[in-house]
Each structure stands twice: as structure tokens, then as C-alpha cells.
Amino acid sequence: MKDLDNSSYTRFCSKQNLHKSLNTLKGIIDGANIDGSIIKKELLEIKNWCEENAGYRRLNPFNELVPMLERALEDGVLDEEEIEDLRWFLNRSCGELPYYSSSTSE
């Protein structure tokens, strides 16, 4: 069976996929931090996100974000400062991707 995720149509969806991926990470981090601490299972989910999005690593903002995540995860803990830095970066990056507008939302 053909792998639809690797089909030629994906080149037409790249902006949407990038935006979705950034928002997915933002949701993972926000959800994991909701109780004030991030457990190992949540750290593993963030590492999985990095692996799943390795193909975007050369693209902006992933070329900054992935190394930032890797440095933050080196010690196996995301401290409050690292979380705030990631959230700031993601908020800034998601705001810079004007894919969705009132016309595309409709």
C-alpha cells in the first residue's frame, strides 16, 4: 500500500503542515506544563515530536527550534526558564506564519 504521507501532493500542503506541527508542539508543551511540572512521558512526547519533524530541520523556524529543544532536553528536564523560552519562541513563530486568514478559515 502506498504511503500517503510521502505522496507528491504533500508539497502543496507544506505551509499547513509546518503551522500544524508548530501548534502541535505548543499544545504538547502547554498541556504538559499545566500542572507545573513535566514528567518523563511528556518529555518523551516532545522528543518524538523532534524525530517526527526532523525533515523540516533545515526550514525556518525549525532550524532554530529543534536545536533549542535538543539543548533543553539534554539533561532530561525542562525547567521553568526553558519552558518559557520555548513558549515565547513558539508564540512568535506561530504568529509569523500567516497561512490562515479570514478568507482561508472560511
PDB file of N, CA and C in Angstrom:
ATOM      1  N   MET A   1       0.841  -1.187   0.000  1.00  0.00           N
ATOM      2  CA  MET A   1       0.000   0.000   0.000  1.00  0.00           C
ATOM      3  C   MET A   1       0.883   1.247   0.000  1.00  0.00           C
ATOM      4  N   LYS A   2       0.479   2.249  -0.709  1.00  0.00           N
ATOM      5  CA  LYS A   2       1.225   3.474  -0.854  1.00  0.00           C
ATOM      6  C   LYS A   2       1.151   4.315   0.422  1.00  0.00           C
ATOM      7  N   ASP A   3       2.284   4.902   0.826  1.00  0.00           N
ATOM      8  CA  ASP A   3       2.331   5.771   1.994  1.00  0.00           C
ATOM      9  C   ASP A   3       1.854   7.158   1.579  1.00  0.00           C
ATOM     10  N   LEU A   4       0.659   7.529   1.990  1.00  0.00           N
ATOM     11  CA  LEU A   4       0.076   8.804   1.569  1.00  0.00           C
ATOM     12  C   LEU A   4       0.833  10.006   2.099  1.00  0.00           C
ATOM     13  N   ASP A   5       1.498   9.873   3.250  1.00  0.00           N
ATOM     14  CA  ASP A   5       2.243  10.993   3.805  1.00  0.00           C
ATOM     15  C   ASP A   5       3.454  11.355   2.956  1.00  0.00           C
ATOM     16  N   ASN A   6       3.922  10.448   2.137  1.00  0.00           N
ATOM     17  CA  ASN A   6       5.077  10.714   1.293  1.00  0.00           C
ATOM     18  C   ASN A   6       4.694  10.893  -0.172  1.00  0.00           C
ATOM     19  N   SER A   7       3.445  11.089  -0.434  1.00  0.00           N
ATOM     20  CA  SER A   7       2.982  11.275  -1.809  1.00  0.00           C
ATOM     21  C   SER A   7       3.358  12.653  -2.322  1.00  0.00           C
ATOM     22  N   SER A   8       3.283  12.807  -3.619  1.00  0.00           N
ATOM     23  CA  SER A   8       3.685  14.065  -4.237  1.00  0.00           C
ATOM     24  C   SER A   8       2.775  15.236  -3.878  1.00  0.00           C
ATOM     25  N   TYR A   9       1.557  14.971  -3.423  1.00  0.00           N
ATOM     26  CA  TYR A   9       0.655  16.070  -3.079  1.00  0.00           C
ATOM     27  C   TYR A   9       1.131  16.846  -1.852  1.00  0.00           C
ATOM     28  N   THR A  10       2.005  16.260  -1.038  1.00  0.00           N
ATOM     29  CA  THR A  10       2.412  16.920   0.198  1.00  0.00           C
ATOM     30  C   THR A  10       3.135  18.232  -0.057  1.00  0.00           C
ATOM     31  N   ARG A  11       3.722  18.409  -1.220  1.00  0.00           N
ATOM     32  CA  ARG A  11       4.401  19.682  -1.499  1.00  0.00           C
ATOM     33  C   ARG A  11       3.426  20.850  -1.526  1.00  0.00           C
ATOM     34  N   PHE A  12       2.138  20.569  -1.766  1.00  0.00           N
ATOM     35  CA  PHE A  12       1.129  21.620  -1.768  1.00  0.00           C
ATOM     36  C   PHE A  12       0.618  21.929  -0.362  1.00  0.00           C
ATOM     37  N   CYS A  13       0.988  21.123   0.602  1.00  0.00           N
ATOM     38  CA  CYS A  13       0.496  21.266   1.973  1.00  0.00           C
ATOM     39  C   CYS A  13       1.584  21.698   2.945  1.00  0.00           C
ATOM     40  N   SER A  14       2.740  22.059   2.449  1.00  0.00           N
ATOM     41  CA  SER A  14       3.875  22.285   3.343  1.00  0.00           C
ATOM     42  C   SER A  14       3.620  23.395   4.356  1.00  0.00           C
ATOM     43  N   LYS A  15       3.058  24.519   3.954  1.00  0.00           N
ATOM     44  CA  LYS A  15       2.806  25.610   4.899  1.00  0.00           C
ATOM     45  C   LYS A  15       1.827  25.181   5.986  1.00  0.00           C
ATOM     46  N   GLN A  16       0.784  24.476   5.579  1.00  0.00           N
ATOM     47  CA  GLN A  16      -0.191  23.994   6.556  1.00  0.00           C
ATOM     48  C   GLN A  16       0.455  23.011   7.530  1.00  0.00           C
ATOM     49  N   ASN A  17       1.278  22.101   6.992  1.00  0.00           N
ATOM     50  CA  ASN A  17       1.927  21.100   7.827  1.00  0.00           C
ATOM     51  C   ASN A  17       2.899  21.730   8.815  1.00  0.00           C
ATOM     52  N   LEU A  18       3.648  22.728   8.377  1.00  0.00           N
ATOM     53  CA  LEU A  18       4.566  23.426   9.269  1.00  0.00           C
ATOM     54  C   LEU A  18       3.805  24.115  10.388  1.00  0.00           C
ATOM     55  N   HIS A  19       2.747  24.802  10.033  1.00  0.00           N
ATOM     56  CA  HIS A  19       1.940  25.518  11.015  1.00  0.00           C
ATOM     57  C   HIS A  19       1.306  24.545  11.998  1.00  0.00           C
ATOM     58  N   LYS A  20       0.773  23.466  11.483  1.00  0.00           N
ATOM     59  CA  LYS A  20       0.153  22.453  12.339  1.00  0.00           C
ATOM     60  C   LYS A  20       1.179  21.856  13.292  1.00  0.00           C
ATOM     61  N   SER A  21       2.357  21.581  12.778  1.00  0.00           N
ATOM     62  CA  SER A  21       3.405  20.983  13.592  1.00  0.00           C
ATOM     63  C   SER A  21       3.821  21.905  14.734  1.00  0.00           C
ATOM     64  N   LEU A  22       3.998  23.181  14.448  1.00  0.00           N
ATOM     65  CA  LEU A  22       4.358  24.143  15.495  1.00  0.00           C
ATOM     66  C   LEU A  22       3.266  24.232  16.553  1.00  0.00           C
ATOM     67  N   ASN A  23       2.030  24.275  16.104  1.00  0.00           N
ATOM     68  CA  ASN A  23       0.920  24.356  17.060  1.00  0.00           C
ATOM     69  C   ASN A  23       0.768  23.065  17.860  1.00  0.00           C
ATOM     70  N   THR A  24       1.102  21.940  17.259  1.00  0.00           N
ATOM     71  CA  THR A  24       1.078  20.671  17.992  1.00  0.00           C
ATOM     72  C   THR A  24       2.097  20.701  19.120  1.00  0.00           C
ATOM     73  N   LEU A  25       3.317  21.148  18.827  1.00  0.00           N
ATOM     74  CA  LEU A  25       4.342  21.243  19.867  1.00  0.00           C
ATOM     75  C   LEU A  25       3.916  22.218  20.951  1.00  0.00           C
ATOM     76  N   LYS A  26       3.360  23.327  20.547  1.00  0.00           N
ATOM     77  CA  LYS A  26       2.876  24.319  21.521  1.00  0.00           C
ATOM     78  C   LYS A  26       1.841  23.682  22.440  1.00  0.00           C
ATOM     79  N   GLY A  27       0.937  22.907  21.893  1.00  0.00           N
ATOM     80  CA  GLY A  27      -0.078  22.221  22.690  1.00  0.00           C
ATOM     81  C   GLY A  27       0.521  21.178  23.617  1.00  0.00           C
ATOM     82  N   ILE A  28       1.521  20.454  23.131  1.00  0.00           N
ATOM     83  CA  ILE A  28       2.193  19.452  23.968  1.00  0.00           C
ATOM     84  C   ILE A  28       2.839  20.131  25.168  1.00  0.00           C
ATOM     85  N   ILE A  29       3.568  21.211  24.918  1.00  0.00           N
ATOM     86  CA  ILE A  29       4.267  21.905  25.997  1.00  0.00           C
ATOM     87  C   ILE A  29       3.277  22.549  26.958  1.00  0.00           C
ATOM     88  N   ASP A  30       2.264  23.223  26.434  1.00  0.00           N
ATOM     89  CA  ASP A  30       1.263  23.848  27.307  1.00  0.00           C
ATOM     90  C   ASP A  30       0.518  22.803  28.133  1.00  0.00           C
ATOM     91  N   GLY A  31       0.133  21.711  27.489  1.00  0.00           N
ATOM     92  CA  GLY A  31      -0.590  20.660  28.191  1.00  0.00           C
ATOM     93  C   GLY A  31       0.262  19.963  29.234  1.00  0.00           C
ATOM     94  N   ALA A  32       1.511  19.720  28.903  1.00  0.00           N
ATOM     95  CA  ALA A  32       2.412  19.046  29.841  1.00  0.00           C
ATOM     96  C   ALA A  32       2.715  19.931  31.038  1.00  0.00           C
ATOM     97  N   ASN A  33       2.760  21.225  30.830  1.00  0.00           N
ATOM     98  CA  ASN A  33       3.134  22.161  31.885  1.00  0.00           C
ATOM     99  C   ASN A  33       1.938  22.642  32.710  1.00  0.00           C
ATOM    100  N   ILE A  34       0.758  22.199  32.378  1.00  0.00           N
ATOM    101  CA  ILE A  34      -0.445  22.701  33.040  1.00  0.00           C
ATOM    102  C   ILE A  34      -0.448  22.445  34.546  1.00  0.00           C
ATOM    103  N   ASP A  35       0.183  21.357  34.968  1.00  0.00           N
ATOM    104  CA  ASP A  35       0.241  21.045  36.398  1.00  0.00           C
ATOM    105  C   ASP A  35       1.523  21.573  37.050  1.00  0.00           C
ATOM    106  N   GLY A  36       2.312  22.312  36.296  1.00  0.00           N
ATOM    107  CA  GLY A  36       3.517  22.921  36.841  1.00  0.00           C
ATOM    108  C   GLY A  36       4.771  22.072  36.738  1.00  0.00           C
ATOM    109  N   SER A  37       4.664  20.855  36.241  1.00  0.00           N
ATOM    110  CA  SER A  37       5.855  20.024  36.057  1.00  0.00           C
ATOM    111  C   SER A  37       5.676  19.132  34.841  1.00  0.00           C
ATOM    112  N   ILE A  38       6.775  18.818  34.220  1.00  0.00           N
ATOM    113  CA  ILE A  38       6.747  17.960  33.041  1.00  0.00           C
ATOM    114  C   ILE A  38       7.383  16.629  33.416  1.00  0.00           C
ATOM    115  N   ILE A  39       6.619  15.553  33.238  1.00  0.00           N
ATOM    116  CA  ILE A  39       7.102  14.224  33.605  1.00  0.00           C
ATOM    117  C   ILE A  39       7.823  13.568  32.420  1.00  0.00           C
ATOM    118  N   LYS A  40       8.493  12.456  32.689  1.00  0.00           N
ATOM    119  CA  LYS A  40       9.288  11.770  31.660  1.00  0.00           C
ATOM    120  C   LYS A  40       8.473  11.398  30.428  1.00  0.00           C
ATOM    121  N   LYS A  41       7.223  10.962  30.630  1.00  0.00           N
ATOM    122  CA  LYS A  41       6.374  10.591  29.497  1.00  0.00           C
ATOM    123  C   LYS A  41       6.124  11.795  28.589  1.00  0.00           C
ATOM    124  N   GLU A  42       5.972  12.954  29.191  1.00  0.00           N
ATOM    125  CA  GLU A  42       5.754  14.177  28.406  1.00  0.00           C
ATOM    126  C   GLU A  42       7.036  14.599  27.701  1.00  0.00           C
ATOM    127  N   LEU A  43       8.178  14.412  28.357  1.00  0.00           N
ATOM    128  CA  LEU A  43       9.461  14.696  27.699  1.00  0.00           C
ATOM    129  C   LEU A  43       9.663  13.785  26.491  1.00  0.00           C
ATOM    130  N   LEU A  44       9.260  12.535  26.641  1.00  0.00           N
ATOM    131  CA  LEU A  44       9.359  11.580  25.537  1.00  0.00           C
ATOM    132  C   LEU A  44       8.490  12.027  24.357  1.00  0.00           C
ATOM    133  N   GLU A  45       7.326  12.568  24.644  1.00  0.00           N
ATOM    134  CA  GLU A  45       6.443  13.069  23.585  1.00  0.00           C
ATOM    135  C   GLU A  45       7.103  14.228  22.839  1.00  0.00           C
ATOM    136  N   ILE A  46       7.795  15.084  23.549  1.00  0.00           N
ATOM    137  CA  ILE A  46       8.497  16.204  22.914  1.00  0.00           C
ATOM    138  C   ILE A  46       9.654  15.674  22.060  1.00  0.00           C
ATOM    139  N   LYS A  47      10.374  14.685  22.568  1.00  0.00           N
ATOM    140  CA  LYS A  47      11.455  14.067  21.778  1.00  0.00           C
ATOM    141  C   LYS A  47      10.891  13.409  20.521  1.00  0.00           C
ATOM    142  N   ASN A  48       9.748  12.751  20.653  1.00  0.00           N
ATOM    143  CA  ASN A  48       9.098  12.141  19.487  1.00  0.00           C
ATOM    144  C   ASN A  48       8.710  13.193  18.463  1.00  0.00           C
ATOM    145  N   TRP A  49       8.236  14.339  18.946  1.00  0.00           N
ATOM    146  CA  TRP A  49       7.890  15.439  18.042  1.00  0.00           C
ATOM    147  C   TRP A  49       9.135  15.846  17.244  1.00  0.00           C
ATOM    148  N   CYS A  50      10.267  15.953  17.908  1.00  0.00           N
ATOM    149  CA  CYS A  50      11.529  16.324  17.229  1.00  0.00           C
ATOM    150  C   CYS A  50      11.876  15.313  16.136  1.00  0.00           C
ATOM    151  N   GLU A  51      11.728  14.035  16.445  1.00  0.00           N
ATOM    152  CA  GLU A  51      12.036  12.993  15.472  1.00  0.00           C
ATOM    153  C   GLU A  51      11.071  13.021  14.290  1.00  0.00           C
ATOM    154  N   GLU A  52       9.789  13.220  14.574  1.00  0.00           N
ATOM    155  CA  GLU A  52       8.780  13.250  13.511  1.00  0.00           C
ATOM    156  C   GLU A  52       8.964  14.441  12.584  1.00  0.00           C
ATOM    157  N   ASN A  53       9.536  15.512  13.091  1.00  0.00           N
ATOM    158  CA  ASN A  53       9.684  16.735  12.308  1.00  0.00           C
ATOM    159  C   ASN A  53      11.125  16.976  11.863  1.00  0.00           C
ATOM    160  N   ALA A  54      11.943  15.945  11.919  1.00  0.00           N
ATOM    161  CA  ALA A  54      13.351  16.071  11.525  1.00  0.00           C
ATOM    162  C   ALA A  54      13.494  16.527  10.074  1.00  0.00           C
ATOM    163  N   GLY A  55      12.552  16.190   9.233  1.00  0.00           N
ATOM    164  CA  GLY A  55      12.605  16.583   7.825  1.00  0.00           C
ATOM    165  C   GLY A  55      12.459  18.079   7.595  1.00  0.00           C
ATOM    166  N   TYR A  56      11.922  18.788   8.579  1.00  0.00           N
ATOM    167  CA  TYR A  56      11.760  20.243   8.476  1.00  0.00           C
ATOM    168  C   TYR A  56      12.945  21.001   9.059  1.00  0.00           C
ATOM    169  N   ARG A  57      13.914  20.285   9.582  1.00  0.00           N
ATOM    170  CA  ARG A  57      15.009  20.895  10.340  1.00  0.00           C
ATOM    171  C   ARG A  57      15.733  22.003   9.573  1.00  0.00           C
ATOM    172  N   ARG A  58      15.819  21.922   8.297  1.00  0.00           N
ATOM    173  CA  ARG A  58      16.532  22.935   7.519  1.00  0.00           C
ATOM    174  C   ARG A  58      15.692  24.193   7.277  1.00  0.00           C
ATOM    175  N   LEU A  59      14.397  24.114   7.569  1.00  0.00           N
ATOM    176  CA  LEU A  59      13.491  25.233   7.320  1.00  0.00           C
ATOM    177  C   LEU A  59      13.331  26.123   8.553  1.00  0.00           C
ATOM    178  N   ASN A  60      13.122  27.385   8.303  1.00  0.00           N
ATOM    179  CA  ASN A  60      12.831  28.327   9.372  1.00  0.00           C
ATOM    180  C   ASN A  60      11.374  28.153   9.794  1.00  0.00           C
ATOM    181  N   PRO A  61      11.035  28.128  11.020  1.00  0.00           N
ATOM    182  CA  PRO A  61      11.774  28.329  12.256  1.00  0.00           C
ATOM    183  C   PRO A  61      12.318  27.043  12.886  1.00  0.00           C
ATOM    184  N   PHE A  62      12.151  25.911  12.215  1.00  0.00           N
ATOM    185  CA  PHE A  62      12.617  24.638  12.762  1.00  0.00           C
ATOM    186  C   PHE A  62      14.125  24.604  12.923  1.00  0.00           C
ATOM    187  N   ASN A  63      14.841  25.329  12.063  1.00  0.00           N
ATOM    188  CA  ASN A  63      16.302  25.346  12.140  1.00  0.00           C
ATOM    189  C   ASN A  63      16.788  26.004  13.435  1.00  0.00           C
ATOM    190  N   GLU A  64      15.952  26.797  14.079  1.00  0.00           N
ATOM    191  CA  GLU A  64      16.264  27.361  15.385  1.00  0.00           C
ATOM    192  C   GLU A  64      15.605  26.563  16.506  1.00  0.00           C
ATOM    193  N   LEU A  65      14.392  26.126  16.264  1.00  0.00           N
ATOM    194  CA  LEU A  65      13.600  25.468  17.297  1.00  0.00           C
ATOM    195  C   LEU A  65      14.136  24.093  17.689  1.00  0.00           C
ATOM    196  N   VAL A  66      14.467  23.257  16.717  1.00  0.00           N
ATOM    197  CA  VAL A  66      14.913  21.894  17.029  1.00  0.00           C
ATOM    198  C   VAL A  66      16.209  21.911  17.850  1.00  0.00           C
ATOM    199  N   PRO A  67      17.238  22.695  17.465  1.00  0.00           N
ATOM    200  CA  PRO A  67      18.426  22.758  18.324  1.00  0.00           C
ATOM    201  C   PRO A  67      18.115  23.301  19.728  1.00  0.00           C
ATOM    202  N   MET A  68      17.200  24.253  19.803  1.00  0.00           N
ATOM    203  CA  MET A  68      16.785  24.803  21.091  1.00  0.00           C
ATOM    204  C   MET A  68      16.152  23.717  21.965  1.00  0.00           C
ATOM    205  N   LEU A  69      15.298  22.903  21.363  1.00  0.00           N
ATOM    206  CA  LEU A  69      14.675  21.784  22.076  1.00  0.00           C
ATOM    207  C   LEU A  69      15.712  20.751  22.500  1.00  0.00           C
ATOM    208  N   GLU A  70      16.610  20.426  21.594  1.00  0.00           N
ATOM    209  CA  GLU A  70      17.636  19.423  21.895  1.00  0.00           C
ATOM    210  C   GLU A  70      18.515  19.863  23.067  1.00  0.00           C
ATOM    211  N   ARG A  71      18.900  21.141  23.087  1.00  0.00           N
ATOM    212  CA  ARG A  71      19.699  21.657  24.202  1.00  0.00           C
ATOM    213  C   ARG A  71      18.906  21.594  25.508  1.00  0.00           C
ATOM    214  N   ALA A  72      17.628  21.964  25.431  1.00  0.00           N
ATOM    215  CA  ALA A  72      16.784  21.968  26.629  1.00  0.00           C
ATOM    216  C   ALA A  72      16.568  20.559  27.172  1.00  0.00           C
ATOM    217  N   LEU A  73      16.529  19.568  26.290  1.00  0.00           N
ATOM    218  CA  LEU A  73      16.253  18.189  26.703  1.00  0.00           C
ATOM    219  C   LEU A  73      17.505  17.389  27.078  1.00  0.00           C
ATOM    220  N   GLU A  74      18.686  17.971  26.873  1.00  0.00           N
ATOM    221  CA  GLU A  74      19.936  17.250  27.138  1.00  0.00           C
ATOM    222  C   GLU A  74      20.005  16.664  28.541  1.00  0.00           C
ATOM    223  N   ASP A  75      19.544  17.412  29.533  1.00  0.00           N
ATOM    224  CA  ASP A  75      19.644  16.954  30.919  1.00  0.00           C
ATOM    225  C   ASP A  75      18.424  16.150  31.370  1.00  0.00           C
ATOM    226  N   GLY A  76      17.470  15.934  30.463  1.00  0.00           N
ATOM    227  CA  GLY A  76      16.295  15.141  30.795  1.00  0.00           C
ATOM    228  C   GLY A  76      15.252  15.879  31.600  1.00  0.00           C
ATOM    229  N   VAL A  77      15.382  17.204  31.689  1.00  0.00           N
ATOM    230  CA  VAL A  77      14.450  18.032  32.456  1.00  0.00           C
ATOM    231  C   VAL A  77      14.189  19.314  31.684  1.00  0.00           C
ATOM    232  N   LEU A  78      12.946  19.749  31.678  1.00  0.00           N
ATOM    233  CA  LEU A  78      12.624  21.074  31.149  1.00  0.00           C
ATOM    234  C   LEU A  78      12.301  21.946  32.345  1.00  0.00           C
ATOM    235  N   ASP A  79      13.187  22.896  32.637  1.00  0.00           N
ATOM    236  CA  ASP A  79      12.921  23.773  33.765  1.00  0.00           C
ATOM    237  C   ASP A  79      12.014  24.919  33.331  1.00  0.00           C
ATOM    238  N   GLU A  80      11.599  25.706  34.289  1.00  0.00           N
ATOM    239  CA  GLU A  80      10.637  26.778  34.029  1.00  0.00           C
ATOM    240  C   GLU A  80      11.153  27.781  33.003  1.00  0.00           C
ATOM    241  N   GLU A  81      12.430  28.125  33.097  1.00  0.00           N
ATOM    242  CA  GLU A  81      13.009  29.080  32.149  1.00  0.00           C
ATOM    243  C   GLU A  81      13.018  28.522  30.728  1.00  0.00           C
ATOM    244  N   GLU A  82      13.374  27.253  30.576  1.00  0.00           N
ATOM    245  CA  GLU A  82      13.385  26.621  29.252  1.00  0.00           C
ATOM    246  C   GLU A  82      11.972  26.569  28.673  1.00  0.00           C
ATOM    247  N   ILE A  83      11.005  26.260  29.515  1.00  0.00           N
ATOM    248  CA  ILE A  83       9.614  26.205  29.057  1.00  0.00           C
ATOM    249  C   ILE A  83       9.157  27.574  28.591  1.00  0.00           C
ATOM    250  N   GLU A  84       9.464  28.602  29.373  1.00  0.00           N
ATOM    251  CA  GLU A  84       9.069  29.959  28.984  1.00  0.00           C
ATOM    252  C   GLU A  84       9.753  30.399  27.700  1.00  0.00           C
ATOM    253  N   ASP A  85      11.042  30.040  27.526  1.00  0.00           N
ATOM    254  CA  ASP A  85      11.755  30.361  26.286  1.00  0.00           C
ATOM    255  C   ASP A  85      11.091  29.676  25.090  1.00  0.00           C
ATOM    256  N   LEU A  86      10.747  28.404  25.261  1.00  0.00           N
ATOM    257  CA  LEU A  86      10.090  27.658  24.175  1.00  0.00           C
ATOM    258  C   LEU A  86       8.730  28.243  23.849  1.00  0.00           C
ATOM    259  N   ARG A  87       7.969  28.576  24.876  1.00  0.00           N
ATOM    260  CA  ARG A  87       6.636  29.152  24.643  1.00  0.00           C
ATOM    261  C   ARG A  87       6.744  30.499  23.921  1.00  0.00           C
ATOM    262  N   TRP A  88       7.715  31.326  24.328  1.00  0.00           N
ATOM    263  CA  TRP A  88       7.925  32.609  23.671  1.00  0.00           C
ATOM    264  C   TRP A  88       8.268  32.386  22.196  1.00  0.00           C
ATOM    265  N   PHE A  89       9.204  31.481  21.950  1.00  0.00           N
ATOM    266  CA  PHE A  89       9.625  31.204  20.585  1.00  0.00           C
ATOM    267  C   PHE A  89       8.455  30.700  19.748  1.00  0.00           C
ATOM    268  N   LEU A  90       7.676  29.764  20.294  1.00  0.00           N
ATOM    269  CA  LEU A  90       6.543  29.210  19.556  1.00  0.00           C
ATOM    270  C   LEU A  90       5.469  30.256  19.303  1.00  0.00           C
ATOM    271  N   ASN A  91       5.178  31.097  20.276  1.00  0.00           N
ATOM    272  CA  ASN A  91       4.195  32.165  20.079  1.00  0.00           C
ATOM    273  C   ASN A  91       4.644  33.117  18.983  1.00  0.00           C
ATOM    274  N   ARG A  92       5.929  33.464  19.001  1.00  0.00           N
ATOM    275  CA  ARG A  92       6.479  34.340  17.968  1.00  0.00           C
ATOM    276  C   ARG A  92       6.443  33.655  16.601  1.00  0.00           C
ATOM    277  N   SER A  93       6.846  32.391  16.556  1.00  0.00           N
ATOM    278  CA  SER A  93       6.913  31.659  15.289  1.00  0.00           C
ATOM    279  C   SER A  93       5.535  31.412  14.705  1.00  0.00           C
ATOM    280  N   CYS A  94       4.588  31.049  15.526  1.00  0.00           N
ATOM    281  CA  CYS A  94       3.227  30.806  15.029  1.00  0.00           C
ATOM    282  C   CYS A  94       2.602  32.088  14.518  1.00  0.00           C
ATOM    283  N   GLY A  95       2.951  33.207  15.140  1.00  0.00           N
ATOM    284  CA  GLY A  95       2.439  34.493  14.685  1.00  0.00           C
ATOM    285  C   GLY A  95       3.036  34.937  13.372  1.00  0.00           C
ATOM    286  N   GLU A  96       4.220  34.408  13.032  1.00  0.00           N
ATOM    287  CA  GLU A  96       4.897  34.782  11.793  1.00  0.00           C
ATOM    288  C   GLU A  96       4.455  33.937  10.604  1.00  0.00           C
ATOM    289  N   LEU A  97       3.589  32.975  10.814  1.00  0.00           N
ATOM    290  CA  LEU A  97       3.127  32.122   9.722  1.00  0.00           C
ATOM    291  C   LEU A  97       1.694  32.524   9.362  1.00  0.00           C
ATOM    292  N   PRO A  98       1.568  33.472   8.475  1.00  0.00           N
ATOM    293  CA  PRO A  98       0.231  33.999   8.154  1.00  0.00           C
ATOM    294  C   PRO A  98      -0.529  33.130   7.160  1.00  0.00           C
ATOM    295  N   TYR A  99      -0.456  31.810   7.340  1.00  0.00           N
ATOM    296  CA  TYR A  99      -1.157  30.936   6.412  1.00  0.00           C
ATOM    297  C   TYR A  99      -2.659  31.108   6.529  1.00  0.00           C
ATOM    298  N   TYR A 100      -3.120  31.153   7.773  1.00  0.00           N
ATOM    299  CA  TYR A 100      -4.562  31.256   7.982  1.00  0.00           C
ATOM    300  C   TYR A 100      -4.983  32.713   8.051  1.00  0.00           C
ATOM    301  N   SER A 101      -6.038  33.015   7.365  1.00  0.00           N
ATOM    302  CA  SER A 101      -6.606  34.358   7.393  1.00  0.00           C
ATOM    303  C   SER A 101      -8.119  34.184   7.421  1.00  0.00           C
ATOM    304  N   SER A 102      -8.828  35.276   7.458  1.00  0.00           N
ATOM    305  CA  SER A 102     -10.281  35.160   7.486  1.00  0.00           C
ATOM    306  C   SER A 102     -10.798  34.480   6.226  1.00  0.00           C
ATOM    307  N   SER A 103     -10.132  34.672   5.103  1.00  0.00           N
ATOM    308  CA  SER A 103     -10.610  34.028   3.860  1.00  0.00           C
ATOM    309  C   SER A 103     -10.290  32.548   3.823  1.00  0.00           C
ATOM    310  N   THR A 104      -9.116  32.132   4.346  1.00  0.00           N
ATOM    311  CA  THR A 104      -8.793  30.698   4.340  1.00  0.00           C
ATOM    312  C   THR A 104      -9.554  29.948   5.411  1.00  0.00           C
ATOM    313  N   SER A 105      -9.927  30.622   6.479  1.00  0.00           N
ATOM    314  CA  SER A 105     -10.686  29.975   7.541  1.00  0.00           C
ATOM    315  C   SER A 105     -12.104  29.643   7.107  1.00  0.00           C
ATOM    316  N   GLU A 106     -12.631  30.456   6.219  1.00  0.00           N
ATOM    317  CA  GLU A 106     -13.997  30.224   5.736  1.00  0.00           C
ATOM    318  C   GLU A 106     -13.996  29.106   4.737  1.00  0.00           C
TER     319      GLU A 106
END
